[in-house]
Amino acid sequence: MDVSEPASISYGIASRYALAVFEIARENGELSELDASIAKLAEALDVSADLRDVIASPILSRAEQEKAISAVAAGLELMPSVQNTLALMAQNRRLFTLPQFVQRSNELIAEENGEVTADVISATKLTAAQSKKLSATLAETVGKTVKLNTTVDESLIGGLVVKVGSRMVDTSIRTKLNALQNVMKEVG
């Protein structure tokens, strides 16, 4: 079995929900509201282990999941179409695809706005100035507005790993040390 298969299935399921919400928002001229709602939802998923537990729980009934996600959506003041979609996802036992829903929604919004997203992994948190400079440099290279999705991985020691579309640039010290270690093994 291909390891990526479950992730691909989840992404496919989430894509249908994301596309439906995106189309509704575009028709109603509410893309900025959709973007804000998706950002709030992404942040909630990122910071709340309880929310992640609720969406992944096989023990909670559909009604319990729907009640929980509806309360979260109302508390975050998400736009109505997103709230309704989350309730529908709970009814259909599809809340486990919420991270992929957020990812696909962000991709659709970025595509509509002529943006690309760059995944950036750094050894330490980037400052606002560093993020701005990196985004500007990438924008010159790609020819589109670049939105950064940053994460921190201290095991990099220093440097960055930047992925834009299918291109990846790894300037991390960890990778350079690994390459040096391989060269040393070949020599002796």
C-alpha atoms as a PDB file:
ATOM      1  CA  MET A   1       0.000   0.000   0.000  1.00  0.00           C
ATOM      2  CA  ASP A   2       1.228   3.468  -0.879  1.00  0.00           C
ATOM      3  CA  VAL A   3       1.861   5.504   2.287  1.00  0.00           C
ATOM      4  CA  SER A   4       0.530   8.662   0.644  1.00  0.00           C
ATOM      5  CA  GLU A   5      -2.802   7.044  -0.218  1.00  0.00           C
ATOM      6  CA  PRO A   6      -4.704   7.961   3.005  1.00  0.00           C
ATOM      7  CA  ALA A   7      -3.421  11.547   2.819  1.00  0.00           C
ATOM      8  CA  SER A   8      -4.435  11.707  -0.838  1.00  0.00           C
ATOM      9  CA  ILE A   9      -7.927  10.412  -0.067  1.00  0.00           C
ATOM     10  CA  SER A  10      -8.345  12.933   2.767  1.00  0.00           C
ATOM     11  CA  TYR A  11      -7.121  15.718   0.504  1.00  0.00           C
ATOM     12  CA  GLY A  12      -9.591  14.664  -2.198  1.00  0.00           C
ATOM     13  CA  ILE A  13     -12.504  14.633   0.251  1.00  0.00           C
ATOM     14  CA  ALA A  14     -11.510  17.991   1.727  1.00  0.00           C
ATOM     15  CA  SER A  15     -11.019  19.493  -1.743  1.00  0.00           C
ATOM     16  CA  ARG A  16     -14.677  19.011  -2.627  1.00  0.00           C
ATOM     17  CA  TYR A  17     -15.826  20.870   0.491  1.00  0.00           C
ATOM     18  CA  ALA A  18     -13.214  23.588   0.014  1.00  0.00           C
ATOM     19  CA  LEU A  19     -14.153  24.106  -3.627  1.00  0.00           C
ATOM     20  CA  ALA A  20     -17.849  24.382  -2.762  1.00  0.00           C
ATOM     21  CA  VAL A  21     -17.219  27.018  -0.089  1.00  0.00           C
ATOM     22  CA  PHE A  22     -14.778  28.844  -2.352  1.00  0.00           C
ATOM     23  CA  GLU A  23     -17.281  28.985  -5.235  1.00  0.00           C
ATOM     24  CA  ILE A  24     -20.013  30.332  -2.947  1.00  0.00           C
ATOM     25  CA  ALA A  25     -17.660  32.995  -1.543  1.00  0.00           C
ATOM     26  CA  ARG A  26     -16.466  33.994  -5.021  1.00  0.00           C
ATOM     27  CA  GLU A  27     -20.026  34.285  -6.354  1.00  0.00           C
ATOM     28  CA  ASN A  28     -21.001  36.468  -3.380  1.00  0.00           C
ATOM     29  CA  GLY A  29     -17.820  38.577  -3.491  1.00  0.00           C
ATOM     30  CA  GLU A  30     -16.760  37.318  -0.055  1.00  0.00           C
ATOM     31  CA  LEU A  31     -13.262  35.989  -0.735  1.00  0.00           C
ATOM     32  CA  SER A  32     -11.659  38.278   1.841  1.00  0.00           C
ATOM     33  CA  GLU A  33     -14.149  37.057   4.463  1.00  0.00           C
ATOM     34  CA  LEU A  34     -13.406  33.469   3.455  1.00  0.00           C
ATOM     35  CA  ASP A  35      -9.682  34.117   3.775  1.00  0.00           C
ATOM     36  CA  ALA A  36     -10.194  35.561   7.275  1.00  0.00           C
ATOM     37  CA  SER A  37     -12.415  32.647   8.337  1.00  0.00           C
ATOM     38  CA  ILE A  38      -9.956  30.053   7.071  1.00  0.00           C
ATOM     39  CA  ALA A  39      -7.089  31.845   8.865  1.00  0.00           C
ATOM     40  CA  LYS A  40      -9.051  31.772  12.146  1.00  0.00           C
ATOM     41  CA  LEU A  41      -9.847  28.086  11.649  1.00  0.00           C
ATOM     42  CA  ALA A  42      -6.205  27.266  10.862  1.00  0.00           C
ATOM     43  CA  GLU A  43      -5.032  29.083  13.987  1.00  0.00           C
ATOM     44  CA  ALA A  44      -7.606  27.268  16.131  1.00  0.00           C
ATOM     45  CA  LEU A  45      -6.453  23.908  14.740  1.00  0.00           C
ATOM     46  CA  ASP A  46      -2.853  24.882  15.384  1.00  0.00           C
ATOM     47  CA  VAL A  47      -3.271  25.959  19.010  1.00  0.00           C
ATOM     48  CA  SER A  48      -6.058  23.685  20.286  1.00  0.00           C
ATOM     49  CA  ALA A  49      -5.240  20.055  20.991  1.00  0.00           C
ATOM     50  CA  ASP A  50      -8.847  19.637  22.152  1.00  0.00           C
ATOM     51  CA  LEU A  51     -10.144  20.720  18.739  1.00  0.00           C
ATOM     52  CA  ARG A  52      -7.764  18.319  17.003  1.00  0.00           C
ATOM     53  CA  ASP A  53      -9.008  15.552  19.314  1.00  0.00           C
ATOM     54  CA  VAL A  54     -12.655  16.331  18.519  1.00  0.00           C
ATOM     55  CA  ILE A  55     -12.180  16.220  14.749  1.00  0.00           C
ATOM     56  CA  ALA A  56     -10.240  12.953  14.916  1.00  0.00           C
ATOM     57  CA  SER A  57     -12.341  11.174  17.539  1.00  0.00           C
ATOM     58  CA  PRO A  58     -14.084   7.993  16.381  1.00  0.00           C
ATOM     59  CA  ILE A  59     -15.847   7.844  19.758  1.00  0.00           C
ATOM     60  CA  LEU A  60     -17.918  11.031  19.396  1.00  0.00           C
ATOM     61  CA  SER A  61     -21.189  10.670  17.537  1.00  0.00           C
ATOM     62  CA  ARG A  62     -21.975  12.730  14.453  1.00  0.00           C
ATOM     63  CA  ALA A  63     -24.322  14.883  16.521  1.00  0.00           C
ATOM     64  CA  GLU A  64     -21.687  15.463  19.206  1.00  0.00           C
ATOM     65  CA  GLN A  65     -19.062  16.392  16.607  1.00  0.00           C
ATOM     66  CA  GLU A  66     -21.519  18.699  14.868  1.00  0.00           C
ATOM     67  CA  LYS A  67     -22.441  20.404  18.141  1.00  0.00           C
ATOM     68  CA  ALA A  68     -18.766  20.858  19.061  1.00  0.00           C
ATOM     69  CA  ILE A  69     -17.636  22.172  15.669  1.00  0.00           C
ATOM     70  CA  SER A  70     -20.671  24.458  15.417  1.00  0.00           C
ATOM     71  CA  ALA A  71     -19.829  25.959  18.813  1.00  0.00           C
ATOM     72  CA  VAL A  72     -16.205  26.458  17.747  1.00  0.00           C
ATOM     73  CA  ALA A  73     -17.255  28.005  14.412  1.00  0.00           C
ATOM     74  CA  ALA A  74     -19.696  30.381  16.121  1.00  0.00           C
ATOM     75  CA  GLY A  75     -17.097  31.301  18.741  1.00  0.00           C
ATOM     76  CA  LEU A  76     -14.556  32.086  16.033  1.00  0.00           C
ATOM     77  CA  GLU A  77     -17.223  34.095  14.180  1.00  0.00           C
ATOM     78  CA  LEU A  78     -16.602  32.226  10.937  1.00  0.00           C
ATOM     79  CA  MET A  79     -18.645  33.247   7.921  1.00  0.00           C
ATOM     80  CA  PRO A  80     -21.989  31.390   7.595  1.00  0.00           C
ATOM     81  CA  SER A  81     -21.009  29.287   4.578  1.00  0.00           C
ATOM     82  CA  VAL A  82     -17.929  27.989   6.436  1.00  0.00           C
ATOM     83  CA  GLN A  83     -20.003  27.281   9.549  1.00  0.00           C
ATOM     84  CA  ASN A  84     -22.553  25.364   7.456  1.00  0.00           C
ATOM     85  CA  THR A  85     -19.814  23.411   5.687  1.00  0.00           C
ATOM     86  CA  LEU A  86     -18.196  22.421   8.975  1.00  0.00           C
ATOM     87  CA  ALA A  87     -21.580  21.206  10.266  1.00  0.00           C
ATOM     88  CA  LEU A  88     -22.086  19.217   7.057  1.00  0.00           C
ATOM     89  CA  MET A  89     -18.607  17.735   7.362  1.00  0.00           C
ATOM     90  CA  ALA A  90     -19.481  16.621  10.923  1.00  0.00           C
ATOM     91  CA  GLN A  91     -22.780  15.096   9.750  1.00  0.00           C
ATOM     92  CA  ASN A  92     -20.910  13.159   7.057  1.00  0.00           C
ATOM     93  CA  ARG A  93     -18.090  12.110   9.428  1.00  0.00           C
ATOM     94  CA  ARG A  94     -15.532  14.096   7.450  1.00  0.00           C
ATOM     95  CA  LEU A  95     -14.138  16.400  10.128  1.00  0.00           C
ATOM     96  CA  PHE A  96     -10.898  14.406  10.157  1.00  0.00           C
ATOM     97  CA  THR A  97     -10.112  16.116   6.818  1.00  0.00           C
ATOM     98  CA  LEU A  98     -10.253  19.611   8.354  1.00  0.00           C
ATOM     99  CA  PRO A  99      -6.474  20.269   8.051  1.00  0.00           C
ATOM    100  CA  GLN A 100      -6.657  19.385   4.328  1.00  0.00           C
ATOM    101  CA  PHE A 101      -9.800  21.551   3.996  1.00  0.00           C
ATOM    102  CA  VAL A 102      -7.847  24.511   5.374  1.00  0.00           C
ATOM    103  CA  GLN A 103      -4.881  23.759   3.113  1.00  0.00           C
ATOM    104  CA  ARG A 104      -6.992  23.451  -0.051  1.00  0.00           C
ATOM    105  CA  SER A 105      -9.038  26.554   0.807  1.00  0.00           C
ATOM    106  CA  ASN A 106      -5.828  28.549   1.196  1.00  0.00           C
ATOM    107  CA  GLU A 107      -4.564  27.195  -2.136  1.00  0.00           C
ATOM    108  CA  LEU A 108      -7.780  28.199  -3.940  1.00  0.00           C
ATOM    109  CA  ILE A 109      -7.757  31.700  -2.431  1.00  0.00           C
ATOM    110  CA  ALA A 110      -4.079  32.193  -3.253  1.00  0.00           C
ATOM    111  CA  GLU A 111      -4.614  30.971  -6.806  1.00  0.00           C
ATOM    112  CA  GLU A 112      -7.520  33.390  -7.267  1.00  0.00           C
ATOM    113  CA  ASN A 113      -5.359  36.249  -5.963  1.00  0.00           C
ATOM    114  CA  GLY A 114      -2.374  35.326  -8.159  1.00  0.00           C
ATOM    115  CA  GLU A 115      -0.317  34.264  -5.151  1.00  0.00           C
ATOM    116  CA  VAL A 116       1.839  31.260  -4.455  1.00  0.00           C
ATOM    117  CA  THR A 117       2.613  29.831  -1.046  1.00  0.00           C
ATOM    118  CA  ALA A 118       6.156  29.092  -0.012  1.00  0.00           C
ATOM    119  CA  ASP A 119       6.741  26.607   2.790  1.00  0.00           C
ATOM    120  CA  VAL A 120       9.690  27.872   4.810  1.00  0.00           C
ATOM    121  CA  ILE A 121      11.357  25.886   7.569  1.00  0.00           C
ATOM    122  CA  SER A 122      13.924  27.769   9.609  1.00  0.00           C
ATOM    123  CA  ALA A 123      16.116  26.956  12.594  1.00  0.00           C
ATOM    124  CA  THR A 124      14.745  29.966  14.491  1.00  0.00           C
ATOM    125  CA  LYS A 125      11.597  32.054  14.138  1.00  0.00           C
ATOM    126  CA  LEU A 126      11.952  34.574  11.328  1.00  0.00           C
ATOM    127  CA  THR A 127      11.568  38.230  12.227  1.00  0.00           C
ATOM    128  CA  ALA A 128       9.026  40.344  10.383  1.00  0.00           C
ATOM    129  CA  ALA A 129      11.837  42.013   8.428  1.00  0.00           C
ATOM    130  CA  GLN A 130      13.351  38.659   7.448  1.00  0.00           C
ATOM    131  CA  SER A 131       9.956  37.339   6.357  1.00  0.00           C
ATOM    132  CA  LYS A 132       9.291  40.466   4.301  1.00  0.00           C
ATOM    133  CA  LYS A 133      12.704  40.306   2.610  1.00  0.00           C
ATOM    134  CA  LEU A 134      12.385  36.573   1.886  1.00  0.00           C
ATOM    135  CA  SER A 135       8.892  37.059   0.478  1.00  0.00           C
ATOM    136  CA  ALA A 136      10.103  39.906  -1.768  1.00  0.00           C
ATOM    137  CA  THR A 137      13.084  37.875  -3.000  1.00  0.00           C
ATOM    138  CA  LEU A 138      10.892  34.877  -3.774  1.00  0.00           C
ATOM    139  CA  ALA A 139       8.353  37.115  -5.515  1.00  0.00           C
ATOM    140  CA  GLU A 140      11.085  38.371  -7.857  1.00  0.00           C
ATOM    141  CA  THR A 141      12.096  34.792  -8.639  1.00  0.00           C
ATOM    142  CA  VAL A 142       8.596  33.364  -9.078  1.00  0.00           C
ATOM    143  CA  GLY A 143       6.954  36.404 -10.641  1.00  0.00           C
ATOM    144  CA  LYS A 144       3.936  36.279  -8.319  1.00  0.00           C
ATOM    145  CA  THR A 145       3.077  37.485  -4.859  1.00  0.00           C
ATOM    146  CA  VAL A 146       4.473  35.006  -2.336  1.00  0.00           C
ATOM    147  CA  LYS A 147       2.737  34.138   0.913  1.00  0.00           C
ATOM    148  CA  LEU A 148       4.992  32.461   3.483  1.00  0.00           C
ATOM    149  CA  ASN A 149       3.987  29.437   5.525  1.00  0.00           C
ATOM    150  CA  THR A 150       6.734  29.363   8.157  1.00  0.00           C
ATOM    151  CA  THR A 151       7.643  26.680  10.668  1.00  0.00           C
ATOM    152  CA  VAL A 152      10.589  26.270  13.023  1.00  0.00           C
ATOM    153  CA  ASP A 153      12.777  23.155  13.175  1.00  0.00           C
ATOM    154  CA  GLU A 154      15.704  23.627  15.540  1.00  0.00           C
ATOM    155  CA  SER A 155      17.391  20.488  14.187  1.00  0.00           C
ATOM    156  CA  LEU A 156      18.338  22.493  11.075  1.00  0.00           C
ATOM    157  CA  ILE A 157      20.958  24.228  13.267  1.00  0.00           C
ATOM    158  CA  GLY A 158      20.905  27.236  10.939  1.00  0.00           C
ATOM    159  CA  GLY A 159      19.723  28.272   7.486  1.00  0.00           C
ATOM    160  CA  LEU A 160      16.446  27.636   5.695  1.00  0.00           C
ATOM    161  CA  VAL A 161      14.559  25.065   3.689  1.00  0.00           C
ATOM    162  CA  VAL A 162      12.273  26.790   1.185  1.00  0.00           C
ATOM    163  CA  LYS A 163       9.749  24.990  -0.990  1.00  0.00           C
ATOM    164  CA  VAL A 164       7.749  26.815  -3.658  1.00  0.00           C
ATOM    165  CA  GLY A 165       5.625  24.510  -5.773  1.00  0.00           C
ATOM    166  CA  SER A 166       7.849  21.674  -6.923  1.00  0.00           C
ATOM    167  CA  ARG A 167      11.091  23.583  -6.303  1.00  0.00           C
ATOM    168  CA  MET A 168      13.002  23.250  -3.052  1.00  0.00           C
ATOM    169  CA  VAL A 169      16.122  25.022  -1.834  1.00  0.00           C
ATOM    170  CA  ASP A 170      17.832  23.635   1.258  1.00  0.00           C
ATOM    171  CA  THR A 171      20.500  25.909   2.748  1.00  0.00           C
ATOM    172  CA  SER A 172      20.382  24.385   6.213  1.00  0.00           C
ATOM    173  CA  ILE A 173      23.541  23.649   8.133  1.00  0.00           C
ATOM    174  CA  ARG A 174      22.193  20.170   8.943  1.00  0.00           C
ATOM    175  CA  THR A 175      22.095  19.299   5.225  1.00  0.00           C
ATOM    176  CA  LYS A 176      25.578  20.705   4.674  1.00  0.00           C
ATOM    177  CA  LEU A 177      26.918  18.675   7.604  1.00  0.00           C
ATOM    178  CA  ASN A 178      25.232  15.530   6.274  1.00  0.00           C
ATOM    179  CA  ALA A 179      26.789  16.123   2.850  1.00  0.00           C
ATOM    180  CA  LEU A 180      30.196  16.638   4.450  1.00  0.00           C
ATOM    181  CA  GLN A 181      29.750  13.449   6.476  1.00  0.00           C
ATOM    182  CA  ASN A 182      28.975  11.515   3.283  1.00  0.00           C
ATOM    183  CA  VAL A 183      32.066  12.911   1.571  1.00  0.00           C
ATOM    184  CA  MET A 184      34.178  11.933   4.586  1.00  0.00           C
ATOM    185  CA  LYS A 185      32.830   8.362   4.436  1.00  0.00           C
ATOM    186  CA  GLU A 186      33.796   8.121   0.772  1.00  0.00           C
ATOM    187  CA  VAL A 187      37.332   9.310   1.455  1.00  0.00           C
ATOM    188  CA  GLY A 188      38.189   7.029   4.244  1.00  0.00           C
END
